[in-house]
Amino acid sequence: MKYILRTRPDLIKRPDNEDPLSGVANLFDVALVFIVALFLSLMATFQVLDFLNPESEITVMKKVKDQWQIITKKGKEVKVKKVTDRTVGGEEGLMLGTAYQLKDGRVIYIPSENEESRNPQ
């Protein structure tokens, strides 16, 4: 026993006034590192960083209270469109023709040559 006390006195003689809360601070540090790692992994999994990029284009579909929403982001502009299953104007109507939009932005309308569209009853 004398040999152990001479070579390693700190193994047997420990301070009596050791702080019991010093281990709690270490647990807090470990929990904080775990939270940051979890946050970064979630951001990488769901690709949230694309929302912060001003050059990205993103389209997301989401259902809120039995109604679909389409969220589109182009650059810094964000648009939300609500999709509904209702028909606008009812079931009746006639096809009058076809409209085409050219590359310069002009719209050209071409009436249809159908007999039904010329003579509505």
C-alpha atoms as a PDB file:
ATOM      1  CA  MET A   1       0.000   0.000   0.000  1.00  0.00           C
ATOM      2  CA  LYS A   2       2.885   2.369   0.713  1.00  0.00           C
ATOM      3  CA  TYR A   3       4.223   1.757  -2.764  1.00  0.00           C
ATOM      4  CA  ILE A   4       0.882   2.746  -4.376  1.00  0.00           C
ATOM      5  CA  LEU A   5       0.636   5.911  -2.281  1.00  0.00           C
ATOM      6  CA  ARG A   6       4.151   6.972  -3.253  1.00  0.00           C
ATOM      7  CA  THR A   7       3.743   6.374  -6.988  1.00  0.00           C
ATOM      8  CA  ARG A   8       0.148   7.452  -7.473  1.00  0.00           C
ATOM      9  CA  PRO A   9      -1.208   9.505  -4.597  1.00  0.00           C
ATOM     10  CA  ASP A  10      -4.085  10.915  -6.681  1.00  0.00           C
ATOM     11  CA  LEU A  11      -5.739   7.495  -7.106  1.00  0.00           C
ATOM     12  CA  ILE A  12      -6.579   7.048  -3.457  1.00  0.00           C
ATOM     13  CA  LYS A  13      -6.726  10.616  -2.163  1.00  0.00           C
ATOM     14  CA  ARG A  14      -9.538  12.367  -3.992  1.00  0.00           C
ATOM     15  CA  PRO A  15     -10.850  15.766  -3.025  1.00  0.00           C
ATOM     16  CA  ASP A  16     -13.887  15.552  -0.768  1.00  0.00           C
ATOM     17  CA  ASN A  17     -15.490  18.752  -2.064  1.00  0.00           C
ATOM     18  CA  GLU A  18     -16.078  17.668  -5.704  1.00  0.00           C
ATOM     19  CA  ASP A  19     -18.996  19.500  -7.364  1.00  0.00           C
ATOM     20  CA  PRO A  20     -21.870  17.068  -8.148  1.00  0.00           C
ATOM     21  CA  LEU A  21     -23.336  19.388 -10.823  1.00  0.00           C
ATOM     22  CA  SER A  22     -20.216  19.396 -13.008  1.00  0.00           C
ATOM     23  CA  GLY A  23     -21.525  16.331 -14.860  1.00  0.00           C
ATOM     24  CA  VAL A  24     -24.790  18.136 -15.710  1.00  0.00           C
ATOM     25  CA  ALA A  25     -22.903  20.804 -17.652  1.00  0.00           C
ATOM     26  CA  ASN A  26     -21.249  18.102 -19.737  1.00  0.00           C
ATOM     27  CA  LEU A  27     -24.653  16.525 -20.456  1.00  0.00           C
ATOM     28  CA  PHE A  28     -25.961  19.910 -21.603  1.00  0.00           C
ATOM     29  CA  ASP A  29     -23.030  20.287 -24.018  1.00  0.00           C
ATOM     30  CA  VAL A  30     -23.617  16.813 -25.457  1.00  0.00           C
ATOM     31  CA  ALA A  31     -27.343  17.527 -25.881  1.00  0.00           C
ATOM     32  CA  LEU A  32     -26.588  20.811 -27.640  1.00  0.00           C
ATOM     33  CA  VAL A  33     -24.233  19.102 -30.101  1.00  0.00           C
ATOM     34  CA  PHE A  34     -26.874  16.401 -30.728  1.00  0.00           C
ATOM     35  CA  ILE A  35     -29.561  19.027 -31.455  1.00  0.00           C
ATOM     36  CA  VAL A  36     -27.353  20.872 -33.945  1.00  0.00           C
ATOM     37  CA  ALA A  37     -26.436  17.613 -35.710  1.00  0.00           C
ATOM     38  CA  LEU A  38     -30.115  16.615 -35.907  1.00  0.00           C
ATOM     39  CA  PHE A  39     -31.067  20.034 -37.284  1.00  0.00           C
ATOM     40  CA  LEU A  40     -28.387  19.883 -39.987  1.00  0.00           C
ATOM     41  CA  SER A  41     -29.343  16.342 -40.997  1.00  0.00           C
ATOM     42  CA  LEU A  42     -33.026  17.334 -41.295  1.00  0.00           C
ATOM     43  CA  MET A  43     -32.111  20.321 -43.453  1.00  0.00           C
ATOM     44  CA  ALA A  44     -30.047  18.077 -45.720  1.00  0.00           C
ATOM     45  CA  THR A  45     -32.760  15.398 -45.901  1.00  0.00           C
ATOM     46  CA  PHE A  46     -35.626  17.725 -46.806  1.00  0.00           C
ATOM     47  CA  GLN A  47     -33.399  19.977 -48.973  1.00  0.00           C
ATOM     48  CA  VAL A  48     -34.449  23.120 -47.147  1.00  0.00           C
ATOM     49  CA  LEU A  49     -31.342  24.932 -48.339  1.00  0.00           C
ATOM     50  CA  ASP A  50     -32.917  25.157 -51.811  1.00  0.00           C
ATOM     51  CA  PHE A  51     -35.567  27.493 -50.377  1.00  0.00           C
ATOM     52  CA  LEU A  52     -32.846  29.931 -49.323  1.00  0.00           C
ATOM     53  CA  ASN A  53     -31.068  29.900 -52.710  1.00  0.00           C
ATOM     54  CA  PRO A  54     -32.279  32.909 -54.791  1.00  0.00           C
ATOM     55  CA  GLU A  55     -31.593  31.122 -58.110  1.00  0.00           C
ATOM     56  CA  SER A  56     -33.593  27.942 -57.411  1.00  0.00           C
ATOM     57  CA  GLU A  57     -37.016  27.019 -58.807  1.00  0.00           C
ATOM     58  CA  ILE A  58     -39.173  24.853 -56.539  1.00  0.00           C
ATOM     59  CA  THR A  59     -42.728  23.496 -56.829  1.00  0.00           C
ATOM     60  CA  VAL A  60     -44.423  21.993 -53.763  1.00  0.00           C
ATOM     61  CA  MET A  61     -47.916  20.483 -53.531  1.00  0.00           C
ATOM     62  CA  LYS A  62     -49.555  20.449 -50.125  1.00  0.00           C
ATOM     63  CA  LYS A  63     -52.993  19.521 -48.809  1.00  0.00           C
ATOM     64  CA  VAL A  64     -54.623  21.809 -46.251  1.00  0.00           C
ATOM     65  CA  LYS A  65     -58.129  21.017 -44.959  1.00  0.00           C
ATOM     66  CA  ASP A  66     -59.172  18.907 -47.989  1.00  0.00           C
ATOM     67  CA  GLN A  67     -57.877  21.535 -50.424  1.00  0.00           C
ATOM     68  CA  TRP A  68     -54.651  21.283 -52.427  1.00  0.00           C
ATOM     69  CA  GLN A  69     -52.223  24.165 -52.691  1.00  0.00           C
ATOM     70  CA  ILE A  70     -49.428  24.480 -55.250  1.00  0.00           C
ATOM     71  CA  ILE A  71     -46.545  26.593 -53.984  1.00  0.00           C
ATOM     72  CA  THR A  72     -44.049  27.707 -56.630  1.00  0.00           C
ATOM     73  CA  LYS A  73     -40.847  29.645 -56.023  1.00  0.00           C
ATOM     74  CA  LYS A  74     -38.878  31.207 -58.867  1.00  0.00           C
ATOM     75  CA  GLY A  75     -35.997  33.343 -57.670  1.00  0.00           C
ATOM     76  CA  LYS A  76     -37.338  35.548 -54.902  1.00  0.00           C
ATOM     77  CA  GLU A  77     -40.978  35.345 -56.059  1.00  0.00           C
ATOM     78  CA  VAL A  78     -43.274  32.874 -54.261  1.00  0.00           C
ATOM     79  CA  LYS A  79     -46.798  32.114 -55.565  1.00  0.00           C
ATOM     80  CA  VAL A  80     -49.511  30.047 -53.864  1.00  0.00           C
ATOM     81  CA  LYS A  81     -52.302  28.620 -56.038  1.00  0.00           C
ATOM     82  CA  LYS A  82     -55.355  26.889 -54.605  1.00  0.00           C
ATOM     83  CA  VAL A  83     -56.679  23.910 -56.552  1.00  0.00           C
ATOM     84  CA  THR A  84     -60.392  23.132 -56.399  1.00  0.00           C
ATOM     85  CA  ASP A  85     -62.575  20.417 -57.889  1.00  0.00           C
ATOM     86  CA  ARG A  86     -65.380  22.833 -58.771  1.00  0.00           C
ATOM     87  CA  THR A  87     -66.105  23.564 -62.416  1.00  0.00           C
ATOM     88  CA  VAL A  88     -66.307  27.195 -63.407  1.00  0.00           C
ATOM     89  CA  GLY A  89     -69.235  28.048 -65.679  1.00  0.00           C
ATOM     90  CA  GLY A  90     -70.942  24.689 -65.415  1.00  0.00           C
ATOM     91  CA  GLU A  91     -70.853  21.807 -67.885  1.00  0.00           C
ATOM     92  CA  GLU A  92     -72.249  23.609 -70.956  1.00  0.00           C
ATOM     93  CA  GLY A  93     -70.293  25.564 -73.517  1.00  0.00           C
ATOM     94  CA  LEU A  94     -69.018  25.686 -77.066  1.00  0.00           C
ATOM     95  CA  MET A  95     -65.493  25.550 -78.383  1.00  0.00           C
ATOM     96  CA  LEU A  96     -65.012  28.755 -80.324  1.00  0.00           C
ATOM     97  CA  GLY A  97     -61.483  28.270 -81.532  1.00  0.00           C
ATOM     98  CA  THR A  98     -57.876  27.976 -80.500  1.00  0.00           C
ATOM     99  CA  ALA A  99     -55.525  30.602 -79.111  1.00  0.00           C
ATOM    100  CA  TYR A 100     -51.740  30.441 -79.503  1.00  0.00           C
ATOM    101  CA  GLN A 101     -49.138  32.562 -77.780  1.00  0.00           C
ATOM    102  CA  LEU A 102     -46.072  33.426 -79.844  1.00  0.00           C
ATOM    103  CA  LYS A 103     -42.520  33.760 -78.532  1.00  0.00           C
ATOM    104  CA  ASP A 104     -42.745  37.558 -78.568  1.00  0.00           C
ATOM    105  CA  GLY A 105     -45.838  37.480 -76.308  1.00  0.00           C
ATOM    106  CA  ARG A 106     -48.555  38.113 -78.910  1.00  0.00           C
ATOM    107  CA  VAL A 107     -51.669  35.918 -78.804  1.00  0.00           C
ATOM    108  CA  ILE A 108     -53.274  34.703 -82.043  1.00  0.00           C
ATOM    109  CA  TYR A 109     -56.868  33.451 -82.078  1.00  0.00           C
ATOM    110  CA  ILE A 110     -57.963  31.007 -84.785  1.00  0.00           C
ATOM    111  CA  PRO A 111     -61.709  30.350 -84.964  1.00  0.00           C
ATOM    112  CA  SER A 112     -62.703  26.727 -85.404  1.00  0.00           C
ATOM    113  CA  GLU A 113     -64.271  25.557 -88.670  1.00  0.00           C
ATOM    114  CA  ASN A 114     -66.794  23.312 -86.894  1.00  0.00           C
ATOM    115  CA  GLU A 115     -70.494  23.462 -87.900  1.00  0.00           C
ATOM    116  CA  GLU A 116     -71.618  23.206 -84.273  1.00  0.00           C
ATOM    117  CA  SER A 117     -69.610  26.218 -83.202  1.00  0.00           C
ATOM    118  CA  ARG A 118     -71.030  28.395 -86.043  1.00  0.00           C
ATOM    119  CA  ASN A 119     -74.704  27.525 -85.483  1.00  0.00           C
ATOM    120  CA  PRO A 120     -75.406  27.312 -81.745  1.00  0.00           C
ATOM    121  CA  GLN A 121     -78.901  26.078 -80.892  1.00  0.00           C
END
